[in-house]
Amino acid sequence: MNSFRRLRDRLGRALEHPAVLPGLGIAGAVFVATVVSYALAGDKLIGYDAHAYWQAAALDDPYRATILGGFDAVGGLYEYKYPPPIAQALAPVRLLGIPWPAFLGAWTVLLLVSLAWLGRRWTLLLLLFPPVLGELWLGNLNILLGVAVVLGMRWPGAWAIILFTKITPGVGLLWFVVRREWRNLAIALGVTAAIAAVSFALAPSLWWDFVEAARTQVAATVDVPRQAAPIPLPLRMAAAALLVSWGARTDRAWVLPIAVGLSVPFLWWNVLATMVAAIPLAGWRPDARTSSPDMPASPAGEPAPAPTP
């Protein structure tokens, strides 16, 4: 164990070399330029998932194609499956007329910044993790789910992001139930309900179409797609619930992103990128949420409370 810690400390110091941060910045800029160039050339695989978000913002009703069995502009089966608030939040994309390559570039920057916020000094190593590379290439939002889990330890309302995207990883809210943190649970559910109410008031027809589109995908949720891990969702949900309950009882917050990744509707290999959030949460304590130097600083910038001896 001591040898492992010494190796970890040496590696950590090496990753804090002054040249690492500029190098990551240059590599990130090259990667963004690469994906944008592929998008401009009409590549149909780069940013496949991100394209669904852009398309959802561009259409009046992002669910009609799914209901009708249509295809998106990239040529693949329409992939937007999330509740309406996400599409509504992306409405400025349509209002500003942001083209697909520009959206993909901005989305990739968001993912890279989120990865760096989660990984801090370990970001360079995380870029060697195949699910992270796949996530950046496809442009899904699994890294953002990891950010939501970390933020949710301080601001429970961040769980609304998870509930309005993958939905089933909401099993992570058992953390508050097991720990009897009823106020935090009420905030998480209250923020979600408030957003849903506003969304429904603005466009009730979107919610009805979302429900109808979801019905067409129920069978797919049970019949695991060939490319996904062959583990049924109910079994993974049960395992995630047990994992969250164990973590909540033993103050192991790092299990939350693992449970979130495990309980998504389809366990694609790039979903494992969500588990990157276990790194900052490894230092979480109930009396000092940022007691570890690896824990990202508070987004508000306030100093972390000192751990109780």
Protein backbone atom coordinates (compact mmCIF):
# COMPACT_ATOMS: atom_id res chain seq x y z
CA MET A 1 0.00 0.00 0.00
CA ASN A 2 2.84 2.41 0.88
CA SER A 3 4.55 1.63 -2.42
CA PHE A 4 1.34 2.40 -4.29
CA ARG A 5 0.97 5.72 -2.48
CA ARG A 6 4.56 6.69 -3.27
CA LEU A 7 4.02 5.84 -6.93
CA ARG A 8 0.78 7.83 -6.96
CA ASP A 9 2.44 10.84 -5.34
CA ARG A 10 5.37 10.77 -7.77
CA LEU A 11 3.04 10.49 -10.73
CA GLY A 12 0.90 13.31 -9.36
CA ARG A 13 3.94 15.57 -9.02
CA ALA A 14 5.01 14.74 -12.57
CA LEU A 15 1.56 15.65 -13.86
CA GLU A 16 1.83 19.02 -12.11
CA HIS A 17 4.84 20.00 -14.24
CA PRO A 18 4.41 23.55 -15.62
CA ALA A 19 4.46 22.25 -19.20
CA VAL A 20 1.47 19.93 -18.72
CA LEU A 21 -1.26 22.60 -18.62
CA PRO A 22 -0.14 24.45 -21.80
CA GLY A 23 0.30 21.09 -23.50
CA LEU A 24 -3.24 20.08 -22.62
CA GLY A 25 -4.51 23.40 -23.92
CA ILE A 26 -2.76 22.94 -27.25
CA ALA A 27 -3.91 19.32 -27.54
CA GLY A 28 -7.48 20.37 -26.76
CA ALA A 29 -7.40 23.10 -29.40
CA VAL A 30 -6.08 20.63 -31.99
CA PHE A 31 -8.77 18.12 -31.09
CA VAL A 32 -11.57 20.72 -31.37
CA ALA A 33 -10.21 21.86 -34.73
CA THR A 34 -10.11 18.24 -35.88
CA VAL A 35 -13.71 17.42 -34.99
CA VAL A 36 -14.93 20.66 -36.55
CA SER A 37 -13.05 19.91 -39.76
CA TYR A 38 -14.63 16.44 -39.89
CA ALA A 39 -18.07 18.00 -39.37
CA LEU A 40 -17.44 20.51 -42.16
CA ALA A 41 -16.47 17.63 -44.43
CA GLY A 42 -19.81 15.94 -43.74
CA ASP A 43 -18.49 13.05 -41.65
CA LYS A 44 -21.47 11.05 -40.33
CA LEU A 45 -19.81 9.49 -37.27
CA ILE A 46 -18.02 12.35 -35.56
CA GLY A 47 -20.26 13.89 -32.93
CA TYR A 48 -23.09 11.46 -33.68
CA ASP A 49 -24.73 11.96 -30.28
CA ALA A 50 -24.08 15.69 -30.18
CA HIS A 51 -25.86 15.99 -33.52
CA ALA A 52 -29.05 14.74 -31.90
CA TYR A 53 -28.89 17.64 -29.43
CA TRP A 54 -28.27 20.17 -32.19
CA GLN A 55 -31.08 18.70 -34.25
CA ALA A 56 -33.42 18.77 -31.26
CA ALA A 57 -32.79 22.48 -30.89
CA ALA A 58 -33.37 23.05 -34.60
CA LEU A 59 -36.77 21.33 -34.79
CA ASP A 60 -40.13 22.46 -33.45
CA ASP A 61 -40.81 18.91 -32.28
CA PRO A 62 -37.72 16.70 -31.82
CA TYR A 63 -39.82 13.59 -31.14
CA ARG A 64 -41.79 13.33 -34.36
CA ALA A 65 -38.98 11.60 -36.20
CA THR A 66 -38.76 8.93 -33.51
CA ILE A 67 -42.52 8.44 -33.46
CA LEU A 68 -42.64 8.18 -37.25
CA GLY A 69 -39.47 6.10 -37.49
CA GLY A 70 -37.67 8.81 -39.43
CA PHE A 71 -34.01 9.62 -39.87
CA ASP A 72 -31.98 12.66 -38.92
CA ALA A 73 -29.95 14.89 -41.22
CA VAL A 74 -26.78 12.89 -40.58
CA GLY A 75 -28.43 9.79 -41.98
CA GLY A 76 -28.78 7.78 -38.78
CA LEU A 77 -31.85 6.86 -36.80
CA TYR A 78 -32.97 9.89 -34.82
CA GLU A 79 -31.39 9.65 -31.38
CA TYR A 80 -32.94 12.40 -29.27
CA LYS A 81 -34.65 10.60 -26.38
CA TYR A 82 -34.49 13.06 -23.49
CA PRO A 83 -37.39 14.95 -21.87
CA PRO A 84 -38.29 18.36 -23.36
CA PRO A 85 -36.39 20.70 -20.95
CA ILE A 86 -33.04 19.86 -22.55
CA ALA A 87 -34.28 20.65 -26.05
CA GLN A 88 -35.90 23.83 -24.75
CA ALA A 89 -32.68 24.87 -23.01
CA LEU A 90 -30.91 24.51 -26.35
CA ALA A 91 -33.43 26.77 -28.10
CA PRO A 92 -30.89 29.62 -28.42
CA VAL A 93 -29.02 27.41 -30.88
CA ARG A 94 -31.95 27.74 -33.28
CA LEU A 95 -32.63 31.39 -32.47
CA LEU A 96 -29.01 32.33 -33.16
CA GLY A 97 -28.81 30.12 -36.24
CA ILE A 98 -25.70 28.29 -35.00
CA PRO A 99 -24.58 25.82 -37.69
CA TRP A 100 -23.74 22.21 -36.89
CA PRO A 101 -19.90 22.49 -37.07
CA ALA A 102 -19.90 25.52 -34.73
CA PHE A 103 -22.21 23.73 -32.28
CA LEU A 104 -19.99 20.65 -32.30
CA GLY A 105 -16.92 22.78 -31.65
CA ALA A 106 -18.56 24.56 -28.71
CA TRP A 107 -19.94 21.29 -27.32
CA THR A 108 -16.51 19.65 -27.52
CA VAL A 109 -14.96 22.58 -25.66
CA LEU A 110 -17.60 22.17 -22.94
CA LEU A 111 -16.78 18.48 -22.59
CA LEU A 112 -13.03 19.14 -22.44
CA VAL A 113 -13.41 21.86 -19.80
CA SER A 114 -15.70 19.60 -17.77
CA LEU A 115 -13.18 16.77 -18.01
CA ALA A 116 -10.39 19.05 -16.83
CA TRP A 117 -12.54 20.29 -13.93
CA LEU A 118 -13.17 16.72 -12.82
CA GLY A 119 -9.72 15.34 -13.49
CA ARG A 120 -7.50 18.25 -12.46
CA ARG A 121 -3.93 16.98 -12.38
CA TRP A 122 -5.01 13.54 -13.64
CA THR A 123 -6.60 14.92 -16.83
CA LEU A 124 -3.68 13.89 -19.01
CA LEU A 125 -4.04 10.27 -17.91
CA LEU A 126 -7.81 10.39 -18.34
CA LEU A 127 -7.31 11.25 -22.01
CA LEU A 128 -5.76 7.79 -22.35
CA PHE A 129 -8.95 6.17 -21.00
CA PRO A 130 -10.78 4.75 -24.07
CA PRO A 131 -14.32 5.60 -22.83
CA VAL A 132 -13.27 9.24 -22.40
CA LEU A 133 -11.88 9.38 -25.92
CA GLY A 134 -15.03 7.74 -27.24
CA GLU A 135 -17.17 10.22 -25.35
CA LEU A 136 -15.29 13.16 -26.82
CA TRP A 137 -15.56 11.68 -30.32
CA LEU A 138 -19.29 10.92 -30.12
CA GLY A 139 -20.19 14.05 -28.15
CA ASN A 140 -22.53 12.44 -25.64
CA LEU A 141 -23.10 14.06 -22.22
CA ASN A 142 -21.84 11.37 -19.85
CA ILE A 143 -18.98 13.58 -18.65
CA LEU A 144 -21.54 16.28 -17.87
CA LEU A 145 -23.47 13.76 -15.79
CA GLY A 146 -20.31 13.28 -13.74
CA VAL A 147 -20.15 17.04 -13.22
CA ALA A 148 -23.79 17.02 -12.09
CA VAL A 149 -23.06 14.30 -9.52
CA VAL A 150 -20.16 16.29 -8.05
CA LEU A 151 -22.16 19.52 -7.98
CA GLY A 152 -25.08 17.62 -6.48
CA MET A 153 -23.10 17.02 -3.31
CA ARG A 154 -23.19 20.76 -2.66
CA TRP A 155 -26.26 21.81 -4.67
CA PRO A 156 -28.78 18.91 -4.83
CA GLY A 157 -30.74 20.69 -7.54
CA ALA A 158 -28.01 19.63 -9.98
CA TRP A 159 -29.61 16.18 -10.01
CA ALA A 160 -32.26 17.67 -12.31
CA ILE A 161 -29.67 17.45 -15.10
CA ILE A 162 -29.48 13.69 -14.63
CA LEU A 163 -33.24 13.23 -14.31
CA PHE A 164 -33.87 15.23 -17.48
CA THR A 165 -31.35 13.27 -19.54
CA LYS A 166 -30.70 9.61 -18.77
CA ILE A 167 -33.54 9.48 -16.19
CA THR A 168 -32.82 6.01 -14.72
CA PRO A 169 -29.58 7.12 -12.99
CA GLY A 170 -31.90 9.03 -10.68
CA VAL A 171 -31.46 5.91 -8.54
CA GLY A 172 -28.53 7.86 -7.13
CA LEU A 173 -31.03 9.92 -5.12
CA LEU A 174 -31.16 6.96 -2.77
CA TRP A 175 -28.03 8.55 -1.31
CA PHE A 176 -30.21 11.19 0.35
CA VAL A 177 -32.84 8.65 1.39
CA VAL A 178 -30.39 6.29 3.10
CA ARG A 179 -28.67 9.19 4.86
CA ARG A 180 -32.03 10.73 5.81
CA GLU A 181 -31.04 14.00 4.16
CA TRP A 182 -34.65 14.88 3.46
CA ARG A 183 -33.96 18.55 2.78
CA ASN A 184 -31.47 17.71 0.05
CA LEU A 185 -33.86 15.17 -1.45
CA ALA A 186 -36.67 17.73 -1.40
CA ILE A 187 -34.45 20.28 -3.15
CA ALA A 188 -33.43 17.81 -5.86
CA LEU A 189 -37.01 16.72 -6.54
CA GLY A 190 -38.41 20.23 -6.10
CA VAL A 191 -36.03 21.79 -8.63
CA THR A 192 -36.80 18.98 -11.07
CA ALA A 193 -40.56 19.42 -10.61
CA ALA A 194 -40.33 23.20 -11.00
CA ILE A 195 -38.38 22.93 -14.26
CA ALA A 196 -40.81 20.31 -15.55
CA ALA A 197 -43.78 22.53 -14.68
CA VAL A 198 -42.35 25.52 -16.52
CA SER A 199 -41.40 23.32 -19.48
CA PHE A 200 -44.91 21.84 -19.66
CA ALA A 201 -46.52 25.26 -19.40
CA LEU A 202 -44.43 26.48 -22.33
CA ALA A 203 -44.99 23.47 -24.59
CA PRO A 204 -47.40 20.79 -23.32
CA SER A 205 -47.49 19.10 -26.74
CA LEU A 206 -43.79 18.30 -26.46
CA TRP A 207 -44.41 16.31 -23.29
CA TRP A 208 -47.18 14.26 -24.90
CA ASP A 209 -44.95 13.51 -27.87
CA PHE A 210 -42.09 12.63 -25.54
CA VAL A 211 -44.30 10.07 -23.79
CA GLU A 212 -45.42 8.63 -27.13
CA ALA A 213 -41.84 8.45 -28.41
CA ALA A 214 -40.72 6.79 -25.16
CA ARG A 215 -43.32 4.05 -25.67
CA THR A 216 -41.65 3.09 -28.94
CA GLN A 217 -38.39 2.51 -27.06
CA VAL A 218 -39.63 0.45 -24.11
CA ALA A 219 -38.80 -2.82 -25.83
CA ALA A 220 -35.33 -1.59 -26.69
CA THR A 221 -34.71 -0.83 -23.02
CA VAL A 222 -35.34 -4.48 -22.16
CA ASP A 223 -33.83 -6.03 -25.29
CA VAL A 224 -30.22 -4.94 -24.98
CA PRO A 225 -28.76 -3.61 -28.27
CA ARG A 226 -26.03 -5.74 -29.78
CA GLN A 227 -23.31 -3.12 -29.26
CA ALA A 228 -24.15 -2.50 -25.58
CA ALA A 229 -23.11 -4.60 -22.58
CA PRO A 230 -25.51 -7.58 -22.38
CA ILE A 231 -26.76 -6.79 -18.87
CA PRO A 232 -30.51 -6.02 -18.54
CA LEU A 233 -31.46 -2.63 -17.11
CA PRO A 234 -33.45 -4.01 -14.12
CA LEU A 235 -30.42 -6.00 -12.97
CA ARG A 236 -28.13 -2.99 -13.33
CA MET A 237 -30.60 -0.75 -11.50
CA ALA A 238 -30.69 -3.18 -8.58
CA ALA A 239 -26.90 -3.32 -8.46
CA ALA A 240 -26.68 0.48 -8.61
CA ALA A 241 -29.21 0.82 -5.76
CA LEU A 242 -27.19 -1.54 -3.57
CA LEU A 243 -23.99 0.32 -4.42
CA VAL A 244 -25.49 3.72 -3.58
CA SER A 245 -26.93 2.41 -0.33
CA TRP A 246 -23.57 0.97 0.71
CA GLY A 247 -21.77 4.18 -0.20
CA ALA A 248 -24.28 6.32 1.68
CA ARG A 249 -23.90 4.24 4.85
CA THR A 250 -20.10 4.27 4.72
CA ASP A 251 -19.48 7.86 3.50
CA ARG A 252 -18.10 6.71 0.15
CA ALA A 253 -19.40 9.34 -2.25
CA TRP A 254 -17.13 8.08 -5.03
CA VAL A 255 -19.58 5.23 -5.67
CA LEU A 256 -22.23 7.68 -6.94
CA PRO A 257 -20.79 8.27 -10.44
CA ILE A 258 -20.17 4.55 -10.74
CA ALA A 259 -23.81 3.84 -9.92
CA VAL A 260 -24.94 6.55 -12.35
CA GLY A 261 -22.87 5.03 -15.14
CA LEU A 262 -24.10 1.55 -14.29
CA SER A 263 -27.79 2.49 -14.35
CA VAL A 264 -28.09 4.30 -17.68
CA PRO A 265 -30.71 2.83 -20.06
CA PHE A 266 -28.06 1.38 -22.40
CA LEU A 267 -24.61 0.48 -21.14
CA TRP A 268 -22.51 1.61 -24.10
CA TRP A 269 -18.76 1.48 -23.54
CA ASN A 270 -18.35 5.29 -23.60
CA VAL A 271 -20.80 5.60 -20.67
CA LEU A 272 -17.90 4.63 -18.40
CA ALA A 273 -16.65 8.20 -18.88
CA THR A 274 -19.16 9.23 -16.19
CA MET A 275 -17.09 7.34 -13.64
CA VAL A 276 -14.31 9.90 -13.97
CA ALA A 277 -16.24 11.88 -11.35
CA ALA A 278 -15.19 9.29 -8.76
CA ILE A 279 -11.79 11.01 -8.68
CA PRO A 280 -12.88 14.31 -7.09
CA LEU A 281 -15.43 12.56 -4.88
CA ALA A 282 -12.78 10.26 -3.43
CA GLY A 283 -11.97 12.99 -0.91
CA TRP A 284 -15.55 13.77 0.12
CA ARG A 285 -16.35 13.74 3.83
CA PRO A 286 -19.69 14.51 5.51
CA ASP A 287 -18.09 17.29 7.56
CA ALA A 288 -15.74 18.60 4.85
CA ARG A 289 -16.97 18.15 1.31
CA THR A 290 -13.68 19.23 -0.22
CA SER A 291 -11.25 17.74 2.27
CA SER A 292 -9.10 16.13 -0.43
CA PRO A 293 -6.66 18.17 -2.57
CA ASP A 294 -8.06 16.29 -5.57
CA MET A 295 -11.58 17.58 -4.95
CA PRO A 296 -12.44 20.40 -7.38
CA ALA A 297 -12.71 23.76 -5.70
CA SER A 298 -16.17 25.12 -5.12
CA PRO A 299 -17.56 26.66 -8.31
CA ALA A 300 -18.37 29.72 -6.23
CA GLY A 301 -14.73 30.01 -5.27
CA GLU A 302 -15.19 29.91 -1.50
CA PRO A 303 -12.49 28.18 0.52
CA ALA A 304 -13.11 24.60 1.55
CA PRO A 305 -13.98 24.02 5.23
CA ALA A 306 -11.23 22.45 7.27
CA PRO A 307 -11.78 18.77 8.09
CA THR A 308 -12.73 17.95 11.64
CA PRO A 309 -10.02 15.96 13.45
